PDB file of N, CA and C in Angstrom:
ATOM      1  N   MET A   1      31.514 -16.232  43.470  1.00  0.00           N
ATOM      2  CA  MET A   1      31.696 -17.399  42.636  1.00  0.00           C
ATOM      3  C   MET A   1      33.192 -17.583  42.346  1.00  0.00           C
ATOM      4  N   LYS A   2      33.617 -18.824  42.383  1.00  0.00           N
ATOM      5  CA  LYS A   2      34.994 -19.159  42.042  1.00  0.00           C
ATOM      6  C   LYS A   2      35.039 -19.639  40.597  1.00  0.00           C
ATOM      7  N   ILE A   3      36.031 -19.155  39.882  1.00  0.00           N
ATOM      8  CA  ILE A   3      36.197 -19.528  38.478  1.00  0.00           C
ATOM      9  C   ILE A   3      37.483 -20.328  38.332  1.00  0.00           C
ATOM     10  N   ASN A   4      37.381 -21.477  37.677  1.00  0.00           N
ATOM     11  CA  ASN A   4      38.545 -22.308  37.372  1.00  0.00           C
ATOM     12  C   ASN A   4      38.913 -22.129  35.912  1.00  0.00           C
ATOM     13  N   LEU A   5      40.108 -21.604  35.655  1.00  0.00           N
ATOM     14  CA  LEU A   5      40.606 -21.513  34.283  1.00  0.00           C
ATOM     15  C   LEU A   5      41.199 -22.856  33.891  1.00  0.00           C
ATOM     16  N   ILE A   6      40.832 -23.335  32.723  1.00  0.00           N
ATOM     17  CA  ILE A   6      41.349 -24.605  32.201  1.00  0.00           C
ATOM     18  C   ILE A   6      41.808 -24.354  30.770  1.00  0.00           C
ATOM     19  N   GLY A   7      43.095 -24.498  30.526  1.00  0.00           N
ATOM     20  CA  GLY A   7      43.634 -24.288  29.190  1.00  0.00           C
ATOM     21  C   GLY A   7      43.611 -25.564  28.360  1.00  0.00           C
ATOM     22  N   VAL A   8      43.314 -25.386  27.075  1.00  0.00           N
ATOM     23  CA  VAL A   8      43.332 -26.514  26.135  1.00  0.00           C
ATOM     24  C   VAL A   8      44.150 -26.071  24.917  1.00  0.00           C
ATOM     25  N   PRO A   9      45.462 -26.246  24.983  1.00  0.00           N
ATOM     26  CA  PRO A   9      46.340 -25.799  23.891  1.00  0.00           C
ATOM     27  C   PRO A   9      46.351 -26.776  22.714  1.00  0.00           C
ATOM     28  N   LEU A  10      45.238 -26.827  22.008  1.00  0.00           N
ATOM     29  CA  LEU A  10      45.033 -27.818  20.958  1.00  0.00           C
ATOM     30  C   LEU A  10      44.884 -27.131  19.610  1.00  0.00           C
ATOM     31  N   HIS A  11      45.453 -27.740  18.581  1.00  0.00           N
ATOM     32  CA  HIS A  11      45.306 -27.227  17.220  1.00  0.00           C
ATOM     33  C   HIS A  11      45.052 -28.348  16.206  1.00  0.00           C
ATOM     34  N   LEU A  12      44.865 -29.550  16.674  1.00  0.00           N
ATOM     35  CA  LEU A  12      44.820 -30.709  15.786  1.00  0.00           C
ATOM     36  C   LEU A  12      43.571 -30.775  14.920  1.00  0.00           C
ATOM     37  N   GLY A  13      42.439 -30.319  15.410  1.00  0.00           N
ATOM     38  CA  GLY A  13      41.212 -30.340  14.612  1.00  0.00           C
ATOM     39  C   GLY A  13      41.248 -29.299  13.508  1.00  0.00           C
ATOM     40  N   ALA A  14      41.693 -28.091  13.864  1.00  0.00           N
ATOM     41  CA  ALA A  14      41.806 -27.014  12.874  1.00  0.00           C
ATOM     42  C   ALA A  14      43.014 -27.254  11.981  1.00  0.00           C
ATOM     43  N   ASP A  15      43.983 -27.999  12.512  1.00  0.00           N
ATOM     44  CA  ASP A  15      45.214 -28.333  11.794  1.00  0.00           C
ATOM     45  C   ASP A  15      45.996 -27.083  11.385  1.00  0.00           C
ATOM     46  N   LYS A  16      45.877 -26.042  12.181  1.00  0.00           N
ATOM     47  CA  LYS A  16      46.632 -24.819  11.939  1.00  0.00           C
ATOM     48  C   LYS A  16      47.324 -24.444  13.236  1.00  0.00           C
ATOM     49  N   PHE A  17      48.637 -24.575  13.251  1.00  0.00           N
ATOM     50  CA  PHE A  17      49.389 -24.214  14.438  1.00  0.00           C
ATOM     51  C   PHE A  17      49.165 -22.739  14.729  1.00  0.00           C
ATOM     52  N   GLY A  18      48.962 -22.424  15.965  1.00  0.00           N
ATOM     53  CA  GLY A  18      48.742 -21.048  16.391  1.00  0.00           C
ATOM     54  C   GLY A  18      47.562 -20.951  17.332  1.00  0.00           C
ATOM     55  N   CYS A  19      46.448 -21.619  16.977  1.00  0.00           N
ATOM     56  CA  CYS A  19      45.291 -21.553  17.871  1.00  0.00           C
ATOM     57  C   CYS A  19      45.592 -22.271  19.190  1.00  0.00           C
ATOM     58  N   ASN A  20      46.562 -23.155  19.184  1.00  0.00           N
ATOM     59  CA  ASN A  20      46.967 -23.826  20.413  1.00  0.00           C
ATOM     60  C   ASN A  20      47.663 -22.870  21.384  1.00  0.00           C
ATOM     61  N   LEU A  21      48.050 -21.704  20.905  1.00  0.00           N
ATOM     62  CA  LEU A  21      48.728 -20.726  21.760  1.00  0.00           C
ATOM     63  C   LEU A  21      47.747 -19.836  22.519  1.00  0.00           C
ATOM     64  N   ALA A  22      46.468 -19.968  22.268  1.00  0.00           N
ATOM     65  CA  ALA A  22      45.467 -19.105  22.899  1.00  0.00           C
ATOM     66  C   ALA A  22      45.525 -19.127  24.429  1.00  0.00           C
ATOM     67  N   PRO A  23      45.573 -20.292  25.095  1.00  0.00           N
ATOM     68  CA  PRO A  23      45.619 -20.262  26.558  1.00  0.00           C
ATOM     69  C   PRO A  23      46.820 -19.472  27.094  1.00  0.00           C
ATOM     70  N   LYS A  24      47.972 -19.672  26.502  1.00  0.00           N
ATOM     71  CA  LYS A  24      49.184 -18.954  26.918  1.00  0.00           C
ATOM     72  C   LYS A  24      49.022 -17.453  26.679  1.00  0.00           C
ATOM     73  N   THR A  25      48.453 -17.100  25.544  1.00  0.00           N
ATOM     74  CA  THR A  25      48.267 -15.694  25.194  1.00  0.00           C
ATOM     75  C   THR A  25      47.304 -15.005  26.157  1.00  0.00           C
ATOM     76  N   TYR A  26      46.203 -15.667  26.498  1.00  0.00           N
ATOM     77  CA  TYR A  26      45.268 -15.111  27.473  1.00  0.00           C
ATOM     78  C   TYR A  26      45.957 -14.880  28.822  1.00  0.00           C
ATOM     79  N   ARG A  27      46.751 -15.846  29.228  1.00  0.00           N
ATOM     80  CA  ARG A  27      47.443 -15.693  30.515  1.00  0.00           C
ATOM     81  C   ARG A  27      48.444 -14.546  30.471  1.00  0.00           C
ATOM     82  N   GLU A  28      49.184 -14.442  29.377  1.00  0.00           N
ATOM     83  CA  GLU A  28      50.146 -13.352  29.244  1.00  0.00           C
ATOM     84  C   GLU A  28      49.448 -11.986  29.224  1.00  0.00           C
ATOM     85  N   ALA A  29      48.196 -11.965  28.794  1.00  0.00           N
ATOM     86  CA  ALA A  29      47.416 -10.725  28.770  1.00  0.00           C
ATOM     87  C   ALA A  29      46.716 -10.478  30.116  1.00  0.00           C
ATOM     88  N   ASN A  30      47.093 -11.259  31.131  1.00  0.00           N
ATOM     89  CA  ASN A  30      46.589 -11.094  32.506  1.00  0.00           C
ATOM     90  C   ASN A  30      45.089 -11.320  32.647  1.00  0.00           C
ATOM     91  N   ILE A  31      44.596 -12.389  32.040  1.00  0.00           N
ATOM     92  CA  ILE A  31      43.175 -12.697  32.149  1.00  0.00           C
ATOM     93  C   ILE A  31      42.750 -12.915  33.598  1.00  0.00           C
ATOM     94  N   VAL A  32      43.648 -13.474  34.411  1.00  0.00           N
ATOM     95  CA  VAL A  32      43.308 -13.697  35.823  1.00  0.00           C
ATOM     96  C   VAL A  32      43.007 -12.368  36.499  1.00  0.00           C
ATOM     97  N   ASN A  33      43.882 -11.385  36.313  1.00  0.00           N
ATOM     98  CA  ASN A  33      43.667 -10.072  36.930  1.00  0.00           C
ATOM     99  C   ASN A  33      42.384  -9.422  36.431  1.00  0.00           C
ATOM    100  N   LEU A  34      42.103  -9.563  35.155  1.00  0.00           N
ATOM    101  CA  LEU A  34      40.893  -8.976  34.585  1.00  0.00           C
ATOM    102  C   LEU A  34      39.643  -9.571  35.229  1.00  0.00           C
ATOM    103  N   ILE A  35      39.606 -10.893  35.347  1.00  0.00           N
ATOM    104  CA  ILE A  35      38.441 -11.553  35.947  1.00  0.00           C
ATOM    105  C   ILE A  35      38.325 -11.200  37.424  1.00  0.00           C
ATOM    106  N   GLU A  36      39.458 -11.166  38.118  1.00  0.00           N
ATOM    107  CA  GLU A  36      39.430 -10.791  39.538  1.00  0.00           C
ATOM    108  C   GLU A  36      38.942  -9.362  39.734  1.00  0.00           C
ATOM    109  N   SER A  37      39.258  -8.480  38.789  1.00  0.00           N
ATOM    110  CA  SER A  37      38.803  -7.089  38.895  1.00  0.00           C
ATOM    111  C   SER A  37      37.279  -6.977  38.776  1.00  0.00           C
ATOM    112  N   LEU A  38      36.644  -8.030  38.275  1.00  0.00           N
ATOM    113  CA  LEU A  38      35.188  -8.062  38.178  1.00  0.00           C
ATOM    114  C   LEU A  38      34.547  -8.634  39.449  1.00  0.00           C
ATOM    115  N   GLY A  39      35.395  -8.991  40.414  1.00  0.00           N
ATOM    116  CA  GLY A  39      34.903  -9.470  41.700  1.00  0.00           C
ATOM    117  C   GLY A  39      34.872 -10.972  41.879  1.00  0.00           C
ATOM    118  N   PHE A  40      35.483 -11.704  40.974  1.00  0.00           N
ATOM    119  CA  PHE A  40      35.495 -13.160  41.070  1.00  0.00           C
ATOM    120  C   PHE A  40      36.817 -13.653  41.631  1.00  0.00           C
ATOM    121  N   GLU A  41      36.767 -14.790  42.299  1.00  0.00           N
ATOM    122  CA  GLU A  41      37.971 -15.482  42.738  1.00  0.00           C
ATOM    123  C   GLU A  41      38.371 -16.446  41.620  1.00  0.00           C
ATOM    124  N   VAL A  42      39.646 -16.432  41.245  1.00  0.00           N
ATOM    125  CA  VAL A  42      40.104 -17.227  40.104  1.00  0.00           C
ATOM    126  C   VAL A  42      41.203 -18.187  40.543  1.00  0.00           C
ATOM    127  N   PHE A  43      41.097 -19.427  40.078  1.00  0.00           N
ATOM    128  CA  PHE A  43      42.157 -20.402  40.263  1.00  0.00           C
ATOM    129  C   PHE A  43      42.522 -20.950  38.886  1.00  0.00           C
ATOM    130  N   ASP A  44      43.783 -20.836  38.522  1.00  0.00           N
ATOM    131  CA  ASP A  44      44.251 -21.343  37.231  1.00  0.00           C
ATOM    132  C   ASP A  44      44.624 -22.809  37.385  1.00  0.00           C
ATOM    133  N   CYS A  45      43.867 -23.673  36.736  1.00  0.00           N
ATOM    134  CA  CYS A  45      44.078 -25.127  36.822  1.00  0.00           C
ATOM    135  C   CYS A  45      45.137 -25.635  35.845  1.00  0.00           C
ATOM    136  N   GLY A  46      45.737 -24.733  35.088  1.00  0.00           N
ATOM    137  CA  GLY A  46      46.749 -25.147  34.122  1.00  0.00           C
ATOM    138  C   GLY A  46      46.120 -25.657  32.836  1.00  0.00           C
ATOM    139  N   ASP A  47      46.929 -26.325  32.051  1.00  0.00           N
ATOM    140  CA  ASP A  47      46.499 -26.822  30.749  1.00  0.00           C
ATOM    141  C   ASP A  47      46.241 -28.319  30.763  1.00  0.00           C
ATOM    142  N   VAL A  48      45.295 -28.738  29.938  1.00  0.00           N
ATOM    143  CA  VAL A  48      45.097 -30.152  29.655  1.00  0.00           C
ATOM    144  C   VAL A  48      46.322 -30.620  28.871  1.00  0.00           C
ATOM    145  N   ASN A  49      46.866 -31.753  29.241  1.00  0.00           N
ATOM    146  CA  ASN A  49      48.023 -32.303  28.544  1.00  0.00           C
ATOM    147  C   ASN A  49      47.590 -32.882  27.195  1.00  0.00           C
ATOM    148  N   ILE A  50      48.202 -32.405  26.136  1.00  0.00           N
ATOM    149  CA  ILE A  50      47.876 -32.873  24.783  1.00  0.00           C
ATOM    150  C   ILE A  50      48.927 -33.898  24.356  1.00  0.00           C
ATOM    151  N   LEU A  51      48.461 -35.030  23.865  1.00  0.00           N
ATOM    152  CA  LEU A  51      49.390 -36.073  23.413  1.00  0.00           C
ATOM    153  C   LEU A  51      50.216 -35.603  22.217  1.00  0.00           C
ATOM    154  N   GLU A  52      51.406 -36.126  22.128  1.00  0.00           N
ATOM    155  CA  GLU A  52      52.260 -35.867  20.964  1.00  0.00           C
ATOM    156  C   GLU A  52      51.617 -36.512  19.734  1.00  0.00           C
ATOM    157  N   THR A  53      51.825 -35.901  18.589  1.00  0.00           N
ATOM    158  CA  THR A  53      51.236 -36.438  17.362  1.00  0.00           C
ATOM    159  C   THR A  53      52.317 -36.907  16.404  1.00  0.00           C
ATOM    160  N   ASP A  54      51.879 -37.731  15.497  1.00  0.00           N
ATOM    161  CA  ASP A  54      52.755 -38.225  14.439  1.00  0.00           C
ATOM    162  C   ASP A  54      52.004 -38.017  13.127  1.00  0.00           C
ATOM    163  N   GLU A  55      52.549 -37.202  12.245  1.00  0.00           N
ATOM    164  CA  GLU A  55      51.900 -36.865  10.969  1.00  0.00           C
ATOM    165  C   GLU A  55      51.477 -38.119  10.206  1.00  0.00           C
ATOM    166  N   LYS A  56      52.219 -39.200  10.354  1.00  0.00           N
ATOM    167  CA  LYS A  56      51.907 -40.442   9.643  1.00  0.00           C
ATOM    168  C   LYS A  56      50.584 -41.043  10.119  1.00  0.00           C
ATOM    169  N   ARG A  57      50.182 -40.706  11.354  1.00  0.00           N
ATOM    170  CA  ARG A  57      48.954 -41.274  11.923  1.00  0.00           C
ATOM    171  C   ARG A  57      47.776 -40.297  11.837  1.00  0.00           C
ATOM    172  N   LYS A  58      47.929 -39.236  11.080  1.00  0.00           N
ATOM    173  CA  LYS A  58      46.925 -38.171  11.016  1.00  0.00           C
ATOM    174  C   LYS A  58      45.522 -38.710  10.736  1.00  0.00           C
ATOM    175  N   TYR A  59      45.376 -39.556   9.736  1.00  0.00           N
ATOM    176  CA  TYR A  59      44.065 -40.096   9.353  1.00  0.00           C
ATOM    177  C   TYR A  59      43.993 -41.592   9.629  1.00  0.00           C
ATOM    178  N   GLU A  60      44.628 -42.019  10.673  1.00  0.00           N
ATOM    179  CA  GLU A  60      44.733 -43.439  10.987  1.00  0.00           C
ATOM    180  C   GLU A  60      43.365 -44.114  11.188  1.00  0.00           C
ATOM    181  N   HIS A  61      42.419 -43.441  11.793  1.00  0.00           N
ATOM    182  CA  HIS A  61      41.152 -44.068  12.148  1.00  0.00           C
ATOM    183  C   HIS A  61      40.023 -43.804  11.149  1.00  0.00           C
ATOM    184  N   HIS A  62      40.115 -42.681  10.426  1.00  0.00           N
ATOM    185  CA  HIS A  62      39.046 -42.321   9.499  1.00  0.00           C
ATOM    186  C   HIS A  62      39.578 -41.245   8.557  1.00  0.00           C
ATOM    187  N   PRO A  63      39.237 -41.300   7.276  1.00  0.00           N
ATOM    188  CA  PRO A  63      39.803 -40.334   6.323  1.00  0.00           C
ATOM    189  C   PRO A  63      39.367 -38.886   6.546  1.00  0.00           C
ATOM    190  N   ASN A  64      38.313 -38.653   7.333  1.00  0.00           N
ATOM    191  CA  ASN A  64      37.859 -37.287   7.586  1.00  0.00           C
ATOM    192  C   ASN A  64      38.064 -36.834   9.033  1.00  0.00           C
ATOM    193  N   LEU A  65      38.635 -37.682   9.851  1.00  0.00           N
ATOM    194  CA  LEU A  65      38.822 -37.357  11.266  1.00  0.00           C
ATOM    195  C   LEU A  65      40.316 -37.319  11.588  1.00  0.00           C
ATOM    196  N   LYS A  66      40.860 -36.125  11.623  1.00  0.00           N
ATOM    197  CA  LYS A  66      42.291 -35.960  11.877  1.00  0.00           C
ATOM    198  C   LYS A  66      42.612 -36.211  13.351  1.00  0.00           C
ATOM    199  N   TYR A  67      43.667 -36.959  13.571  1.00  0.00           N
ATOM    200  CA  TYR A  67      44.191 -37.187  14.921  1.00  0.00           C
ATOM    201  C   TYR A  67      43.095 -37.597  15.904  1.00  0.00           C
ATOM    202  N   LEU A  68      42.253 -38.511  15.501  1.00  0.00           N
ATOM    203  CA  LEU A  68      41.101 -38.909  16.311  1.00  0.00           C
ATOM    204  C   LEU A  68      41.509 -39.306  17.732  1.00  0.00           C
ATOM    205  N   HIS A  69      42.493 -40.150  17.881  1.00  0.00           N
ATOM    206  CA  HIS A  69      42.911 -40.622  19.201  1.00  0.00           C
ATOM    207  C   HIS A  69      43.339 -39.458  20.094  1.00  0.00           C
ATOM    208  N   GLU A  70      44.139 -38.556  19.552  1.00  0.00           N
ATOM    209  CA  GLU A  70      44.665 -37.438  20.325  1.00  0.00           C
ATOM    210  C   GLU A  70      43.563 -36.450  20.711  1.00  0.00           C
ATOM    211  N   VAL A  71      42.630 -36.186  19.788  1.00  0.00           N
ATOM    212  CA  VAL A  71      41.529 -35.254  20.059  1.00  0.00           C
ATOM    213  C   VAL A  71      40.575 -35.845  21.093  1.00  0.00           C
ATOM    214  N   VAL A  72      40.264 -37.119  20.970  1.00  0.00           N
ATOM    215  CA  VAL A  72      39.396 -37.772  21.955  1.00  0.00           C
ATOM    216  C   VAL A  72      40.061 -37.764  23.323  1.00  0.00           C
ATOM    217  N   ASP A  73      41.339 -38.049  23.376  1.00  0.00           N
ATOM    218  CA  ASP A  73      42.073 -38.043  24.642  1.00  0.00           C
ATOM    219  C   ASP A  73      42.016 -36.660  25.292  1.00  0.00           C
ATOM    220  N   ALA A  74      42.269 -35.608  24.525  1.00  0.00           N
ATOM    221  CA  ALA A  74      42.238 -34.244  25.055  1.00  0.00           C
ATOM    222  C   ALA A  74      40.848 -33.899  25.586  1.00  0.00           C
ATOM    223  N   ASN A  75      39.810 -34.292  24.855  1.00  0.00           N
ATOM    224  CA  ASN A  75      38.448 -33.980  25.292  1.00  0.00           C
ATOM    225  C   ASN A  75      38.030 -34.775  26.516  1.00  0.00           C
ATOM    226  N   ASN A  76      38.494 -35.998  26.642  1.00  0.00           N
ATOM    227  CA  ASN A  76      38.215 -36.776  27.851  1.00  0.00           C
ATOM    228  C   ASN A  76      38.891 -36.135  29.067  1.00  0.00           C
ATOM    229  N   LYS A  77      40.119 -35.683  28.896  1.00  0.00           N
ATOM    230  CA  LYS A  77      40.824 -35.002  29.989  1.00  0.00           C
ATOM    231  C   LYS A  77      40.116 -33.698  30.353  1.00  0.00           C
ATOM    232  N   LEU A  78      39.681 -32.958  29.344  1.00  0.00           N
ATOM    233  CA  LEU A  78      38.948 -31.716  29.589  1.00  0.00           C
ATOM    234  C   LEU A  78      37.645 -32.010  30.321  1.00  0.00           C
ATOM    235  N   ALA A  79      36.918 -33.020  29.892  1.00  0.00           N
ATOM    236  CA  ALA A  79      35.651 -33.374  30.538  1.00  0.00           C
ATOM    237  C   ALA A  79      35.869 -33.667  32.019  1.00  0.00           C
ATOM    238  N   GLN A  80      36.953 -34.355  32.343  1.00  0.00           N
ATOM    239  CA  GLN A  80      37.246 -34.675  33.746  1.00  0.00           C
ATOM    240  C   GLN A  80      37.517 -33.405  34.551  1.00  0.00           C
ATOM    241  N   LYS A  81      38.290 -32.483  33.987  1.00  0.00           N
ATOM    242  CA  LYS A  81      38.588 -31.223  34.687  1.00  0.00           C
ATOM    243  C   LYS A  81      37.321 -30.380  34.868  1.00  0.00           C
ATOM    244  N   VAL A  82      36.463 -30.360  33.869  1.00  0.00           N
ATOM    245  CA  VAL A  82      35.197 -29.616  33.971  1.00  0.00           C
ATOM    246  C   VAL A  82      34.315 -30.252  35.040  1.00  0.00           C
ATOM    247  N   TYR A  83      34.239 -31.560  35.044  1.00  0.00           N
ATOM    248  CA  TYR A  83      33.448 -32.274  36.051  1.00  0.00           C
ATOM    249  C   TYR A  83      33.946 -31.948  37.462  1.00  0.00           C
ATOM    250  N   GLU A  84      35.262 -31.989  37.657  1.00  0.00           N
ATOM    251  CA  GLU A  84      35.837 -31.685  38.970  1.00  0.00           C
ATOM    252  C   GLU A  84      35.513 -30.253  39.391  1.00  0.00           C
ATOM    253  N   SER A  85      35.619 -29.323  38.464  1.00  0.00           N
ATOM    254  CA  SER A  85      35.332 -27.926  38.754  1.00  0.00           C
ATOM    255  C   SER A  85      33.881 -27.750  39.191  1.00  0.00           C
ATOM    256  N   ILE A  86      32.960 -28.281  38.400  1.00  0.00           N
ATOM    257  CA  ILE A  86      31.536 -28.150  38.711  1.00  0.00           C
ATOM    258  C   ILE A  86      31.195 -28.869  40.013  1.00  0.00           C
ATOM    259  N   SER A  87      31.788 -30.042  40.226  1.00  0.00           N
ATOM    260  CA  SER A  87      31.530 -30.814  41.445  1.00  0.00           C
ATOM    261  C   SER A  87      31.954 -30.048  42.698  1.00  0.00           C
ATOM    262  N   ASN A  88      32.933 -29.178  42.552  1.00  0.00           N
ATOM    263  CA  ASN A  88      33.404 -28.365  43.674  1.00  0.00           C
ATOM    264  C   ASN A  88      32.664 -27.034  43.772  1.00  0.00           C
ATOM    265  N   GLY A  89      31.628 -26.867  42.948  1.00  0.00           N
ATOM    266  CA  GLY A  89      30.830 -25.654  42.994  1.00  0.00           C
ATOM    267  C   GLY A  89      31.449 -24.467  42.279  1.00  0.00           C
ATOM    268  N   ASN A  90      32.420 -24.730  41.430  1.00  0.00           N
ATOM    269  CA  ASN A  90      33.102 -23.667  40.692  1.00  0.00           C
ATOM    270  C   ASN A  90      32.623 -23.603  39.251  1.00  0.00           C
ATOM    271  N   PHE A  91      32.929 -22.487  38.609  1.00  0.00           N
ATOM    272  CA  PHE A  91      32.588 -22.297  37.201  1.00  0.00           C
ATOM    273  C   PHE A  91      33.824 -22.558  36.357  1.00  0.00           C
ATOM    274  N   PRO A  92      33.803 -23.560  35.446  1.00  0.00           N
ATOM    275  CA  PRO A  92      34.964 -23.823  34.589  1.00  0.00           C
ATOM    276  C   PRO A  92      34.959 -22.889  33.391  1.00  0.00           C
ATOM    277  N   LEU A  93      36.035 -22.138  33.232  1.00  0.00           N
ATOM    278  CA  LEU A  93      36.201 -21.249  32.074  1.00  0.00           C
ATOM    279  C   LEU A  93      37.301 -21.851  31.209  1.00  0.00           C
ATOM    280  N   ILE A  94      36.931 -22.329  30.025  1.00  0.00           N
ATOM    281  CA  ILE A  94      37.859 -23.031  29.152  1.00  0.00           C
ATOM    282  C   ILE A  94      38.539 -22.045  28.228  1.00  0.00           C
ATOM    283  N   LEU A  95      39.873 -22.117  28.219  1.00  0.00           N
ATOM    284  CA  LEU A  95      40.684 -21.295  27.312  1.00  0.00           C
ATOM    285  C   LEU A  95      41.207 -22.192  26.209  1.00  0.00           C
ATOM    286  N   GLY A  96      40.609 -22.102  25.020  1.00  0.00           N
ATOM    287  CA  GLY A  96      41.056 -22.897  23.876  1.00  0.00           C
ATOM    288  C   GLY A  96      41.748 -21.998  22.913  1.00  0.00           C
ATOM    289  N   GLY A  97      42.255 -22.446  22.034  1.00  0.00           N
ATOM    290  CA  GLY A  97      42.475 -23.756  21.520  1.00  0.00           C
ATOM    291  C   GLY A  97      41.713 -23.919  20.199  1.00  0.00           C
ATOM    292  N   ASP A  98      41.675 -25.152  19.848  1.00  0.00           N
ATOM    293  CA  ASP A  98      41.082 -25.615  18.585  1.00  0.00           C
ATOM    294  C   ASP A  98      39.695 -25.024  18.353  1.00  0.00           C
ATOM    295  N   HIS A  99      39.386 -24.753  17.074  1.00  0.00           N
ATOM    296  CA  HIS A  99      38.065 -24.203  16.800  1.00  0.00           C
ATOM    297  C   HIS A  99      37.515 -24.753  15.493  1.00  0.00           C
TER     298      HIS A  99
END
């Protein structure tokens, strides 16, 4: 089985900087080598591009939904990468991010 790593360096929902560093941290800890040692072929697809934010627009669309536009955009991009991975017969392993 081929595994596609997909990073999502997002922190906007949790609104705490740091969880966005998870994909980078996993890579620095050699997650690719670890998965390969289990007998899987791994391809790192990189990170989903996260839009820049503006604190002034934090609650622009709804008082309880922070950065709605940016979060929806990130999830749409992630959905496309997951779809491509599955369509190619691979397993998408998501490295997040927001929780």
